[in-house]
Amino acid sequence: MRARVIEAEAEVPLAIAAAFREGKLGVMDYYNMQNVISDTQMREAISKGAQPQKGSND
């Protein structure tokens, strides 16, 4: 199952490149998509909170 996910993830950049070539995806569309992805990653990191550093015996 994990192998299929990895295969699908590998196809994403190829699909984006094809959409650029075919004119189905514009530069601003790509920029907005990357902005949403970055925002989601930031929110996930914030929601996890600060992780204590391992090996710290304070």
N, C-alpha and C. Protein backbone atom coordinates (compact mmCIF):
# COMPACT_ATOMS: atom_id res chain seq x y z
N MET A 1 0.81 -1.19 0.00
CA MET A 1 0.00 0.00 0.00
C MET A 1 0.87 1.26 0.00
N ARG A 2 1.90 1.28 0.85
CA ARG A 2 2.79 2.45 0.92
C ARG A 2 3.50 2.67 -0.42
N ALA A 3 3.82 1.57 -1.11
CA ALA A 3 4.50 1.69 -2.40
C ALA A 3 3.62 2.42 -3.41
N ARG A 4 2.33 2.17 -3.36
CA ARG A 4 1.41 2.86 -4.28
C ARG A 4 1.34 4.35 -3.98
N VAL A 5 1.39 4.69 -2.72
CA VAL A 5 1.38 6.10 -2.33
C VAL A 5 2.63 6.79 -2.85
N ILE A 6 3.78 6.15 -2.70
CA ILE A 6 5.04 6.71 -3.18
C ILE A 6 5.01 6.87 -4.69
N GLU A 7 4.47 5.88 -5.40
CA GLU A 7 4.36 5.98 -6.86
C GLU A 7 3.47 7.15 -7.25
N ALA A 8 2.36 7.31 -6.55
CA ALA A 8 1.44 8.41 -6.86
C ALA A 8 2.09 9.76 -6.58
N GLU A 9 2.83 9.85 -5.47
CA GLU A 9 3.51 11.11 -5.14
C GLU A 9 4.57 11.45 -6.18
N ALA A 10 5.19 10.45 -6.77
CA ALA A 10 6.21 10.69 -7.80
C ALA A 10 5.59 11.22 -9.08
N GLU A 11 4.32 10.95 -9.31
CA GLU A 11 3.65 11.40 -10.53
C GLU A 11 3.18 12.85 -10.44
N VAL A 12 3.10 13.40 -9.25
CA VAL A 12 2.58 14.77 -9.08
C VAL A 12 3.42 15.80 -9.83
N PRO A 13 4.75 15.83 -9.68
CA PRO A 13 5.53 16.83 -10.44
C PRO A 13 5.39 16.66 -11.95
N LEU A 14 5.26 15.43 -12.41
CA LEU A 14 5.08 15.20 -13.84
C LEU A 14 3.74 15.75 -14.32
N ALA A 15 2.71 15.57 -13.51
CA ALA A 15 1.39 16.08 -13.86
C ALA A 15 1.38 17.61 -13.86
N ILE A 16 2.08 18.21 -12.91
CA ILE A 16 2.16 19.67 -12.86
C ILE A 16 2.88 20.20 -14.09
N ALA A 17 3.98 19.55 -14.47
CA ALA A 17 4.72 19.96 -15.66
C ALA A 17 3.86 19.84 -16.91
N ALA A 18 3.10 18.77 -17.01
CA ALA A 18 2.22 18.58 -18.17
C ALA A 18 1.14 19.66 -18.20
N ALA A 19 0.60 20.01 -17.05
CA ALA A 19 -0.42 21.06 -16.98
C ALA A 19 0.14 22.41 -17.40
N PHE A 20 1.39 22.69 -17.02
CA PHE A 20 2.05 23.92 -17.47
C PHE A 20 2.18 23.93 -18.99
N ARG A 21 2.67 22.83 -19.54
CA ARG A 21 2.88 22.76 -20.99
C ARG A 21 1.57 22.90 -21.76
N GLU A 22 0.50 22.32 -21.23
CA GLU A 22 -0.79 22.34 -21.93
C GLU A 22 -1.57 23.62 -21.67
N GLY A 23 -1.05 24.48 -20.83
CA GLY A 23 -1.73 25.74 -20.54
C GLY A 23 -2.89 25.61 -19.58
N LYS A 24 -2.98 24.50 -18.88
CA LYS A 24 -4.07 24.28 -17.93
C LYS A 24 -3.74 24.81 -16.54
N LEU A 25 -2.48 25.15 -16.32
CA LEU A 25 -2.03 25.66 -15.03
C LEU A 25 -1.16 26.87 -15.28
N GLY A 26 -1.55 27.98 -14.70
CA GLY A 26 -0.77 29.20 -14.86
C GLY A 26 0.21 29.38 -13.72
N VAL A 27 1.08 30.36 -13.89
CA VAL A 27 2.09 30.63 -12.88
C VAL A 27 1.44 31.05 -11.56
N MET A 28 0.44 31.90 -11.61
CA MET A 28 -0.23 32.33 -10.38
C MET A 28 -0.99 31.18 -9.73
N ASP A 29 -1.55 30.28 -10.54
CA ASP A 29 -2.22 29.10 -9.97
C ASP A 29 -1.21 28.26 -9.20
N TYR A 30 -0.04 28.07 -9.80
CA TYR A 30 1.01 27.29 -9.14
C TYR A 30 1.48 27.98 -7.87
N TYR A 31 1.66 29.29 -7.94
CA TYR A 31 2.08 30.07 -6.77
C TYR A 31 1.07 29.93 -5.64
N ASN A 32 -0.21 30.08 -5.96
CA ASN A 32 -1.26 29.96 -4.95
C ASN A 32 -1.31 28.56 -4.36
N MET A 33 -1.11 27.54 -5.18
CA MET A 33 -1.11 26.16 -4.70
C MET A 33 0.04 25.94 -3.72
N GLN A 34 1.22 26.43 -4.06
CA GLN A 34 2.37 26.29 -3.17
C GLN A 34 2.16 27.07 -1.87
N ASN A 35 1.49 28.21 -1.97
CA ASN A 35 1.21 29.01 -0.78
C ASN A 35 0.26 28.26 0.16
N VAL A 36 -0.74 27.60 -0.38
CA VAL A 36 -1.67 26.82 0.44
C VAL A 36 -0.95 25.65 1.10
N ILE A 37 -0.07 24.99 0.34
CA ILE A 37 0.69 23.86 0.89
C ILE A 37 1.59 24.34 2.04
N SER A 38 2.28 25.44 1.83
CA SER A 38 3.16 25.99 2.87
C SER A 38 2.37 26.39 4.10
N ASP A 39 1.23 27.02 3.88
CA ASP A 39 0.39 27.45 5.00
C ASP A 39 -0.10 26.24 5.80
N THR A 40 -0.48 25.19 5.11
CA THR A 40 -0.94 23.97 5.78
C THR A 40 0.17 23.35 6.61
N GLN A 41 1.37 23.28 6.06
CA GLN A 41 2.51 22.73 6.80
C GLN A 41 2.83 23.57 8.03
N MET A 42 2.74 24.89 7.89
CA MET A 42 3.00 25.77 9.02
C MET A 42 1.96 25.54 10.12
N ARG A 43 0.70 25.45 9.74
CA ARG A 43 -0.36 25.24 10.73
C ARG A 43 -0.22 23.89 11.43
N GLU A 44 0.19 22.86 10.68
CA GLU A 44 0.40 21.55 11.29
C GLU A 44 1.55 21.60 12.30
N ALA A 45 2.61 22.31 11.94
CA ALA A 45 3.76 22.43 12.85
C ALA A 45 3.38 23.19 14.11
N ILE A 46 2.59 24.23 13.97
CA ILE A 46 2.16 25.01 15.13
C ILE A 46 1.25 24.17 16.02
N SER A 47 0.38 23.39 15.41
CA SER A 47 -0.57 22.61 16.21
C SER A 47 0.11 21.50 17.01
N LYS A 48 1.27 21.05 16.55
CA LYS A 48 2.00 20.01 17.28
C LYS A 48 2.68 20.59 18.51
N GLY A 49 2.94 21.87 18.50
CA GLY A 49 3.59 22.52 19.64
C GLY A 49 5.07 22.27 19.64
N ALA A 50 5.72 22.83 20.61
CA ALA A 50 7.17 22.68 20.73
C ALA A 50 7.48 21.29 21.25
N GLN A 51 8.40 20.63 20.61
CA GLN A 51 8.84 19.30 21.02
C GLN A 51 10.08 19.45 21.90
N PRO A 52 10.12 18.80 23.05
CA PRO A 52 11.33 18.87 23.88
C PRO A 52 12.50 18.21 23.16
N GLN A 53 13.68 18.79 23.33
CA GLN A 53 14.86 18.23 22.69
C GLN A 53 15.27 16.96 23.40
N LYS A 54 15.60 15.95 22.62
CA LYS A 54 16.03 14.69 23.20
C LYS A 54 17.46 14.83 23.72
N GLY A 55 17.74 14.18 24.82
CA GLY A 55 19.08 14.23 25.39
C GLY A 55 19.29 15.39 26.33
N SER A 56 18.29 16.22 26.48
CA SER A 56 18.39 17.35 27.39
C SER A 56 17.95 16.92 28.77
N ASN A 57 18.86 16.96 29.74
CA ASN A 57 18.56 16.55 31.10
C ASN A 57 18.53 17.74 32.04
N ASP A 58 17.87 18.79 31.67
CA ASP A 58 17.81 20.00 32.51
C ASP A 58 16.90 19.80 33.68
